[in-house]
Amino acid sequence: MRFCELKEKDVINRCDCKKLGQICDLVIDECSGQICSIIVPGPPRLCGLLCPDQEYIIPWNCICQIGPDIVLVEITAEKVLSPRKIWK
């Protein structure tokens, strides 16, 4: 599977059945080349008008299943929600 196919899928939390969003980025281990985690934008600010200032960083081992339309994860959303990093 290619990243362009993966980023079009909705991420659903199996614990509370909530849609977290769509995958926007991956964290890859430089040495092994393996995917460490997926990144999903956090909840929008100000009625959805401003970009989120947080993001979900979901470890790869928390992914339960990758289906044709969705990615099922099993996480506590508060534990993986972190401040968004701006890369320069």
PDB file of N, CA and C in Angstrom:
ATOM      1  N   MET A   1       0.837  -1.173   0.000  1.00  0.00           N
ATOM      2  CA  MET A   1       0.000   0.000   0.000  1.00  0.00           C
ATOM      3  C   MET A   1       0.887   1.243   0.000  1.00  0.00           C
ATOM      4  N   ARG A   2       0.507   2.212  -0.781  1.00  0.00           N
ATOM      5  CA  ARG A   2       1.245   3.469  -0.867  1.00  0.00           C
ATOM      6  C   ARG A   2       0.655   4.500   0.093  1.00  0.00           C
ATOM      7  N   PHE A   3       1.480   5.492   0.423  1.00  0.00           N
ATOM      8  CA  PHE A   3       1.026   6.540   1.340  1.00  0.00           C
ATOM      9  C   PHE A   3      -0.166   7.297   0.770  1.00  0.00           C
ATOM     10  N   CYS A   4      -0.191   7.524  -0.535  1.00  0.00           N
ATOM     11  CA  CYS A   4      -1.307   8.262  -1.136  1.00  0.00           C
ATOM     12  C   CYS A   4      -2.625   7.513  -0.951  1.00  0.00           C
ATOM     13  N   GLU A   5      -2.592   6.185  -0.889  1.00  0.00           N
ATOM     14  CA  GLU A   5      -3.802   5.397  -0.620  1.00  0.00           C
ATOM     15  C   GLU A   5      -4.155   5.446   0.864  1.00  0.00           C
ATOM     16  N   LEU A   6      -3.148   5.435   1.708  1.00  0.00           N
ATOM     17  CA  LEU A   6      -3.356   5.425   3.152  1.00  0.00           C
ATOM     18  C   LEU A   6      -3.919   6.756   3.651  1.00  0.00           C
ATOM     19  N   LYS A   7      -3.460   7.870   3.078  1.00  0.00           N
ATOM     20  CA  LYS A   7      -3.876   9.181   3.579  1.00  0.00           C
ATOM     21  C   LYS A   7      -5.318   9.532   3.228  1.00  0.00           C
ATOM     22  N   GLU A   8      -5.944   8.787   2.339  1.00  0.00           N
ATOM     23  CA  GLU A   8      -7.341   9.037   1.982  1.00  0.00           C
ATOM     24  C   GLU A   8      -8.319   8.332   2.918  1.00  0.00           C
ATOM     25  N   LYS A   9      -7.816   7.503   3.817  1.00  0.00           N
ATOM     26  CA  LYS A   9      -8.679   6.710   4.695  1.00  0.00           C
ATOM     27  C   LYS A   9      -8.998   7.467   5.984  1.00  0.00           C
ATOM     28  N   ASP A  10     -10.229   7.282   6.465  1.00  0.00           N
ATOM     29  CA  ASP A  10     -10.638   7.855   7.743  1.00  0.00           C
ATOM     30  C   ASP A  10     -10.085   7.004   8.873  1.00  0.00           C
ATOM     31  N   VAL A  11      -9.649   7.659   9.945  1.00  0.00           N
ATOM     32  CA  VAL A  11      -9.140   6.961  11.126  1.00  0.00           C
ATOM     33  C   VAL A  11     -10.251   6.957  12.172  1.00  0.00           C
ATOM     34  N   ILE A  12     -10.648   5.756  12.602  1.00  0.00           N
ATOM     35  CA  ILE A  12     -11.723   5.579  13.575  1.00  0.00           C
ATOM     36  C   ILE A  12     -11.151   4.941  14.833  1.00  0.00           C
ATOM     37  N   ASN A  13     -11.487   5.527  15.987  1.00  0.00           N
ATOM     38  CA  ASN A  13     -11.051   4.970  17.263  1.00  0.00           C
ATOM     39  C   ASN A  13     -12.045   3.890  17.686  1.00  0.00           C
ATOM     40  N   ARG A  14     -11.555   2.680  17.849  1.00  0.00           N
ATOM     41  CA  ARG A  14     -12.402   1.548  18.212  1.00  0.00           C
ATOM     42  C   ARG A  14     -12.955   1.670  19.634  1.00  0.00           C
ATOM     43  N   CYS A  15     -12.269   2.380  20.510  1.00  0.00           N
ATOM     44  CA  CYS A  15     -12.701   2.504  21.916  1.00  0.00           C
ATOM     45  C   CYS A  15     -13.995   3.298  22.062  1.00  0.00           C
ATOM     46  N   ASP A  16     -14.128   4.398  21.306  1.00  0.00           N
ATOM     47  CA  ASP A  16     -15.329   5.227  21.432  1.00  0.00           C
ATOM     48  C   ASP A  16     -16.059   5.429  20.104  1.00  0.00           C
ATOM     49  N   CYS A  17     -15.614   4.753  19.057  1.00  0.00           N
ATOM     50  CA  CYS A  17     -16.238   4.793  17.722  1.00  0.00           C
ATOM     51  C   CYS A  17     -16.275   6.198  17.122  1.00  0.00           C
ATOM     52  N   LYS A  18     -15.329   7.054  17.491  1.00  0.00           N
ATOM     53  CA  LYS A  18     -15.275   8.410  16.953  1.00  0.00           C
ATOM     54  C   LYS A  18     -14.289   8.486  15.795  1.00  0.00           C
ATOM     55  N   LYS A  19     -14.651   9.305  14.822  1.00  0.00           N
ATOM     56  CA  LYS A  19     -13.751   9.566  13.704  1.00  0.00           C
ATOM     57  C   LYS A  19     -12.732  10.606  14.154  1.00  0.00           C
ATOM     58  N   LEU A  20     -11.451  10.275  14.025  1.00  0.00           N
ATOM     59  CA  LEU A  20     -10.388  11.200  14.416  1.00  0.00           C
ATOM     60  C   LEU A  20      -9.992  12.113  13.269  1.00  0.00           C
ATOM     61  N   GLY A  21     -10.176  11.665  12.048  1.00  0.00           N
ATOM     62  CA  GLY A  21      -9.787  12.440  10.880  1.00  0.00           C
ATOM     63  C   GLY A  21      -9.112  11.544   9.859  1.00  0.00           C
ATOM     64  N   GLN A  22      -8.324  12.147   8.980  1.00  0.00           N
ATOM     65  CA  GLN A  22      -7.589  11.400   7.965  1.00  0.00           C
ATOM     66  C   GLN A  22      -6.098  11.548   8.205  1.00  0.00           C
ATOM     67  N   ILE A  23      -5.364  10.527   7.837  1.00  0.00           N
ATOM     68  CA  ILE A  23      -3.913  10.522   8.022  1.00  0.00           C
ATOM     69  C   ILE A  23      -3.296  11.635   7.179  1.00  0.00           C
ATOM     70  N   CYS A  24      -2.433  12.435   7.808  1.00  0.00           N
ATOM     71  CA  CYS A  24      -1.772  13.515   7.069  1.00  0.00           C
ATOM     72  C   CYS A  24      -0.269  13.291   6.944  1.00  0.00           C
ATOM     73  N   ASP A  25       0.295  12.430   7.800  1.00  0.00           N
ATOM     74  CA  ASP A  25       1.743  12.229   7.770  1.00  0.00           C
ATOM     75  C   ASP A  25       2.112  10.926   8.464  1.00  0.00           C
ATOM     76  N   LEU A  26       3.340  10.496   8.265  1.00  0.00           N
ATOM     77  CA  LEU A  26       3.885   9.297   8.898  1.00  0.00           C
ATOM     78  C   LEU A  26       5.177   9.656   9.615  1.00  0.00           C
ATOM     79  N   VAL A  27       5.482   8.935  10.687  1.00  0.00           N
ATOM     80  CA  VAL A  27       6.783   9.039  11.345  1.00  0.00           C
ATOM     81  C   VAL A  27       7.514   7.746  11.027  1.00  0.00           C
ATOM     82  N   ILE A  28       8.692   7.871  10.413  1.00  0.00           N
ATOM     83  CA  ILE A  28       9.455   6.704   9.961  1.00  0.00           C
ATOM     84  C   ILE A  28      10.796   6.662  10.674  1.00  0.00           C
ATOM     85  N   ASP A  29      11.159   5.487  11.149  1.00  0.00           N
ATOM     86  CA  ASP A  29      12.464   5.278  11.786  1.00  0.00           C
ATOM     87  C   ASP A  29      13.536   5.359  10.702  1.00  0.00           C
ATOM     88  N   GLU A  30      14.485   6.262  10.868  1.00  0.00           N
ATOM     89  CA  GLU A  30      15.524   6.473   9.855  1.00  0.00           C
ATOM     90  C   GLU A  30      16.432   5.266   9.679  1.00  0.00           C
ATOM     91  N   CYS A  31      16.698   4.551  10.752  1.00  0.00           N
ATOM     92  CA  CYS A  31      17.619   3.410  10.677  1.00  0.00           C
ATOM     93  C   CYS A  31      16.981   2.194  10.024  1.00  0.00           C
ATOM     94  N   SER A  32      15.779   1.836  10.476  1.00  0.00           N
ATOM     95  CA  SER A  32      15.144   0.610   9.982  1.00  0.00           C
ATOM     96  C   SER A  32      14.236   0.853   8.783  1.00  0.00           C
ATOM     97  N   GLY A  33      13.769   2.083   8.610  1.00  0.00           N
ATOM     98  CA  GLY A  33      12.852   2.376   7.516  1.00  0.00           C
ATOM     99  C   GLY A  33      11.414   1.968   7.812  1.00  0.00           C
ATOM    100  N   GLN A  34      11.135   1.534   9.038  1.00  0.00           N
ATOM    101  CA  GLN A  34       9.789   1.109   9.405  1.00  0.00           C
ATOM    102  C   GLN A  34       8.955   2.299   9.882  1.00  0.00           C
ATOM    103  N   ILE A  35       7.653   2.184   9.683  1.00  0.00           N
ATOM    104  CA  ILE A  35       6.732   3.222  10.143  1.00  0.00           C
ATOM    105  C   ILE A  35       6.585   3.101  11.649  1.00  0.00           C
ATOM    106  N   CYS A  36       6.811   4.195  12.366  1.00  0.00           N
ATOM    107  CA  CYS A  36       6.674   4.221  13.834  1.00  0.00           C
ATOM    108  C   CYS A  36       5.268   4.635  14.245  1.00  0.00           C
ATOM    109  N   SER A  37       4.716   5.640  13.563  1.00  0.00           N
ATOM    110  CA  SER A  37       3.391   6.132  13.926  1.00  0.00           C
ATOM    111  C   SER A  37       2.774   6.897  12.762  1.00  0.00           C
ATOM    112  N   ILE A  38       1.464   7.102  12.885  1.00  0.00           N
ATOM    113  CA  ILE A  38       0.742   7.915  11.909  1.00  0.00           C
ATOM    114  C   ILE A  38       0.324   9.207  12.602  1.00  0.00           C
ATOM    115  N   ILE A  39       0.173  10.259  11.821  1.00  0.00           N
ATOM    116  CA  ILE A  39      -0.223  11.557  12.370  1.00  0.00           C
ATOM    117  C   ILE A  39      -1.551  11.966  11.738  1.00  0.00           C
ATOM    118  N   VAL A  40      -2.494  12.338  12.606  1.00  0.00           N
ATOM    119  CA  VAL A  40      -3.820  12.781  12.188  1.00  0.00           C
ATOM    120  C   VAL A  40      -4.038  14.166  12.795  1.00  0.00           C
ATOM    121  N   PRO A  41      -4.485  15.154  12.008  1.00  0.00           N
ATOM    122  CA  PRO A  41      -4.740  16.476  12.587  1.00  0.00           C
ATOM    123  C   PRO A  41      -5.753  16.388  13.722  1.00  0.00           C
ATOM    124  N   GLY A  42      -5.529  17.179  14.761  1.00  0.00           N
ATOM    125  CA  GLY A  42      -6.427  17.191  15.913  1.00  0.00           C
ATOM    126  C   GLY A  42      -7.718  17.930  15.613  1.00  0.00           C
ATOM    127  N   PRO A  43      -8.553  18.107  16.641  1.00  0.00           N
ATOM    128  CA  PRO A  43      -9.822  18.810  16.445  1.00  0.00           C
ATOM    129  C   PRO A  43      -9.598  20.257  16.024  1.00  0.00           C
ATOM    130  N   PRO A  44     -10.432  20.773  15.107  1.00  0.00           N
ATOM    131  CA  PRO A  44     -10.260  22.156  14.646  1.00  0.00           C
ATOM    132  C   PRO A  44     -10.597  23.160  15.745  1.00  0.00           C
ATOM    133  N   ARG A  45     -10.026  24.350  15.606  1.00  0.00           N
ATOM    134  CA  ARG A  45     -10.291  25.438  16.555  1.00  0.00           C
ATOM    135  C   ARG A  45     -11.299  26.409  15.949  1.00  0.00           C
ATOM    136  N   LEU A  46     -11.982  27.130  16.786  1.00  0.00           N
ATOM    137  CA  LEU A  46     -12.878  28.221  16.388  1.00  0.00           C
ATOM    138  C   LEU A  46     -13.854  27.801  15.284  1.00  0.00           C
ATOM    139  N   CYS A  47     -14.708  26.870  15.601  1.00  0.00           N
ATOM    140  CA  CYS A  47     -15.774  26.408  14.693  1.00  0.00           C
ATOM    141  C   CYS A  47     -15.232  25.890  13.366  1.00  0.00           C
ATOM    142  N   GLY A  48     -14.031  25.347  13.368  1.00  0.00           N
ATOM    143  CA  GLY A  48     -13.464  24.775  12.159  1.00  0.00           C
ATOM    144  C   GLY A  48     -12.819  25.768  11.218  1.00  0.00           C
ATOM    145  N   LEU A  49     -12.748  27.041  11.615  1.00  0.00           N
ATOM    146  CA  LEU A  49     -12.178  28.057  10.732  1.00  0.00           C
ATOM    147  C   LEU A  49     -10.659  28.097  10.777  1.00  0.00           C
ATOM    148  N   LEU A  50     -10.072  27.765  11.907  1.00  0.00           N
ATOM    149  CA  LEU A  50      -8.621  27.802  12.043  1.00  0.00           C
ATOM    150  C   LEU A  50      -8.052  26.391  12.032  1.00  0.00           C
ATOM    151  N   CYS A  51      -6.828  26.278  11.592  1.00  0.00           N
ATOM    152  CA  CYS A  51      -6.157  24.979  11.588  1.00  0.00           C
ATOM    153  C   CYS A  51      -5.998  24.473  13.017  1.00  0.00           C
ATOM    154  N   PRO A  52      -6.023  23.162  13.194  1.00  0.00           N
ATOM    155  CA  PRO A  52      -5.835  22.620  14.545  1.00  0.00           C
ATOM    156  C   PRO A  52      -4.449  22.944  15.082  1.00  0.00           C
ATOM    157  N   ASP A  53      -4.365  23.167  16.399  1.00  0.00           N
ATOM    158  CA  ASP A  53      -3.064  23.422  17.007  1.00  0.00           C
ATOM    159  C   ASP A  53      -2.532  22.174  17.699  1.00  0.00           C
ATOM    160  N   GLN A  54      -3.262  21.070  17.553  1.00  0.00           N
ATOM    161  CA  GLN A  54      -2.826  19.792  18.104  1.00  0.00           C
ATOM    162  C   GLN A  54      -2.973  18.720  17.034  1.00  0.00           C
ATOM    163  N   GLU A  55      -2.318  17.594  17.273  1.00  0.00           N
ATOM    164  CA  GLU A  55      -2.424  16.474  16.345  1.00  0.00           C
ATOM    165  C   GLU A  55      -2.364  15.172  17.126  1.00  0.00           C
ATOM    166  N   TYR A  56      -2.972  14.146  16.545  1.00  0.00           N
ATOM    167  CA  TYR A  56      -2.905  12.814  17.137  1.00  0.00           C
ATOM    168  C   TYR A  56      -1.672  12.113  16.572  1.00  0.00           C
ATOM    169  N   ILE A  57      -0.778  11.672  17.444  1.00  0.00           N
ATOM    170  CA  ILE A  57       0.370  10.871  17.021  1.00  0.00           C
ATOM    171  C   ILE A  57       0.085   9.454  17.499  1.00  0.00           C
ATOM    172  N   ILE A  58      -0.333   8.604  16.576  1.00  0.00           N
ATOM    173  CA  ILE A  58      -0.821   7.263  16.903  1.00  0.00           C
ATOM    174  C   ILE A  58       0.259   6.239  16.588  1.00  0.00           C
ATOM    175  N   PRO A  59       0.759   5.535  17.604  1.00  0.00           N
ATOM    176  CA  PRO A  59       1.786   4.512  17.364  1.00  0.00           C
ATOM    177  C   PRO A  59       1.277   3.431  16.405  1.00  0.00           C
ATOM    178  N   TRP A  60       2.168   2.934  15.574  1.00  0.00           N
ATOM    179  CA  TRP A  60       1.809   1.933  14.570  1.00  0.00           C
ATOM    180  C   TRP A  60       1.211   0.682  15.210  1.00  0.00           C
ATOM    181  N   ASN A  61       1.690   0.322  16.405  1.00  0.00           N
ATOM    182  CA  ASN A  61       1.179  -0.893  17.050  1.00  0.00           C
ATOM    183  C   ASN A  61      -0.231  -0.705  17.616  1.00  0.00           C
ATOM    184  N   CYS A  62      -0.783   0.501  17.580  1.00  0.00           N
ATOM    185  CA  CYS A  62      -2.165   0.741  18.018  1.00  0.00           C
ATOM    186  C   CYS A  62      -3.164   0.601  16.871  1.00  0.00           C
ATOM    187  N   ILE A  63      -2.668   0.351  15.667  1.00  0.00           N
ATOM    188  CA  ILE A  63      -3.555   0.142  14.524  1.00  0.00           C
ATOM    189  C   ILE A  63      -4.064  -1.291  14.576  1.00  0.00           C
ATOM    190  N   CYS A  64      -5.394  -1.424  14.617  1.00  0.00           N
ATOM    191  CA  CYS A  64      -6.011  -2.753  14.685  1.00  0.00           C
ATOM    192  C   CYS A  64      -6.191  -3.357  13.299  1.00  0.00           C
ATOM    193  N   GLN A  65      -6.666  -2.532  12.361  1.00  0.00           N
ATOM    194  CA  GLN A  65      -6.966  -3.049  11.035  1.00  0.00           C
ATOM    195  C   GLN A  65      -6.976  -1.913  10.026  1.00  0.00           C
ATOM    196  N   ILE A  66      -6.502  -2.216   8.824  1.00  0.00           N
ATOM    197  CA  ILE A  66      -6.571  -1.266   7.719  1.00  0.00           C
ATOM    198  C   ILE A  66      -7.512  -1.865   6.694  1.00  0.00           C
ATOM    199  N   GLY A  67      -8.660  -1.209   6.507  1.00  0.00           N
ATOM    200  CA  GLY A  67      -9.660  -1.695   5.571  1.00  0.00           C
ATOM    201  C   GLY A  67      -9.655  -0.888   4.291  1.00  0.00           C
ATOM    202  N   PRO A  68     -10.616  -1.168   3.402  1.00  0.00           N
ATOM    203  CA  PRO A  68     -10.659  -0.447   2.125  1.00  0.00           C
ATOM    204  C   PRO A  68     -10.974   1.043   2.278  1.00  0.00           C
ATOM    205  N   ASP A  69     -11.724   1.402   3.338  1.00  0.00           N
ATOM    206  CA  ASP A  69     -12.126   2.798   3.524  1.00  0.00           C
ATOM    207  C   ASP A  69     -11.639   3.427   4.820  1.00  0.00           C
ATOM    208  N   ILE A  70     -11.355   2.602   5.833  1.00  0.00           N
ATOM    209  CA  ILE A  70     -11.012   3.143   7.146  1.00  0.00           C
ATOM    210  C   ILE A  70      -9.804   2.442   7.756  1.00  0.00           C
ATOM    211  N   VAL A  71      -9.218   3.133   8.735  1.00  0.00           N
ATOM    212  CA  VAL A  71      -8.146   2.565   9.555  1.00  0.00           C
ATOM    213  C   VAL A  71      -8.686   2.532  10.979  1.00  0.00           C
ATOM    214  N   LEU A  72      -8.773   1.334  11.561  1.00  0.00           N
ATOM    215  CA  LEU A  72      -9.250   1.192  12.935  1.00  0.00           C
ATOM    216  C   LEU A  72      -8.075   1.238  13.887  1.00  0.00           C
ATOM    217  N   VAL A  73      -8.172   2.106  14.896  1.00  0.00           N
ATOM    218  CA  VAL A  73      -7.130   2.200  15.912  1.00  0.00           C
ATOM    219  C   VAL A  73      -7.767   2.000  17.281  1.00  0.00           C
ATOM    220  N   GLU A  74      -6.961   1.590  18.235  1.00  0.00           N
ATOM    221  CA  GLU A  74      -7.439   1.427  19.603  1.00  0.00           C
ATOM    222  C   GLU A  74      -6.535   2.254  20.507  1.00  0.00           C
ATOM    223  N   ILE A  75      -7.035   3.449  20.856  1.00  0.00           N
ATOM    224  CA  ILE A  75      -6.234   4.396  21.634  1.00  0.00           C
ATOM    225  C   ILE A  75      -7.103   5.138  22.641  1.00  0.00           C
ATOM    226  N   THR A  76      -6.454   5.757  23.598  1.00  0.00           N
ATOM    227  CA  THR A  76      -7.088   6.770  24.432  1.00  0.00           C
ATOM    228  C   THR A  76      -6.692   8.094  23.797  1.00  0.00           C
ATOM    229  N   ALA A  77      -7.658   8.773  23.208  1.00  0.00           N
ATOM    230  CA  ALA A  77      -7.372   9.960  22.396  1.00  0.00           C
ATOM    231  C   ALA A  77      -6.566  11.013  23.144  1.00  0.00           C
ATOM    232  N   GLU A  78      -6.821  11.180  24.436  1.00  0.00           N
ATOM    233  CA  GLU A  78      -6.108  12.199  25.200  1.00  0.00           C
ATOM    234  C   GLU A  78      -4.621  11.878  25.322  1.00  0.00           C
ATOM    235  N   LYS A  79      -4.266  10.599  25.316  1.00  0.00           N
ATOM    236  CA  LYS A  79      -2.862  10.211  25.476  1.00  0.00           C
ATOM    237  C   LYS A  79      -2.038  10.473  24.222  1.00  0.00           C
ATOM    238  N   VAL A  80      -2.661  10.445  23.059  1.00  0.00           N
ATOM    239  CA  VAL A  80      -1.902  10.621  21.820  1.00  0.00           C
ATOM    240  C   VAL A  80      -2.059  12.014  21.223  1.00  0.00           C
ATOM    241  N   LEU A  81      -2.862  12.868  21.856  1.00  0.00           N
ATOM    242  CA  LEU A  81      -3.040  14.237  21.379  1.00  0.00           C
ATOM    243  C   LEU A  81      -1.893  15.092  21.901  1.00  0.00           C
ATOM    244  N   SER A  82      -1.160  15.736  20.996  1.00  0.00           N
ATOM    245  CA  SER A  82      -0.010  16.533  21.411  1.00  0.00           C
ATOM    246  C   SER A  82       0.035  17.837  20.613  1.00  0.00           C
ATOM    247  N   PRO A  83       0.775  18.839  21.103  1.00  0.00           N
ATOM    248  CA  PRO A  83       0.887  20.104  20.367  1.00  0.00           C
ATOM    249  C   PRO A  83       1.459  19.866  18.974  1.00  0.00           C
ATOM    250  N   ARG A  84       0.928  20.586  18.017  1.00  0.00           N
ATOM    251  CA  ARG A  84       1.360  20.433  16.636  1.00  0.00           C
ATOM    252  C   ARG A  84       2.738  21.041  16.457  1.00  0.00           C
ATOM    253  N   LYS A  85       3.611  20.323  15.746  1.00  0.00           N
ATOM    254  CA  LYS A  85       4.960  20.823  15.467  1.00  0.00           C
ATOM    255  C   LYS A  85       4.983  21.448  14.087  1.00  0.00           C
ATOM    256  N   ILE A  86       5.558  22.608  13.995  1.00  0.00           N
ATOM    257  CA  ILE A  86       5.722  23.287  12.716  1.00  0.00           C
ATOM    258  C   ILE A  86       7.161  23.066  12.267  1.00  0.00           C
ATOM    259  N   TRP A  87       7.334  22.367  11.160  1.00  0.00           N
ATOM    260  CA  TRP A  87       8.676  22.064  10.638  1.00  0.00           C
ATOM    261  C   TRP A  87       9.105  23.181   9.714  1.00  0.00           C
ATOM    262  N   LYS A  88      10.350  23.598   9.855  1.00  0.00           N
ATOM    263  CA  LYS A  88      10.887  24.665   8.996  1.00  0.00           C
ATOM    264  C   LYS A  88      11.971  24.132   8.109  1.00  0.00           C
TER     265      LYS A  88
END
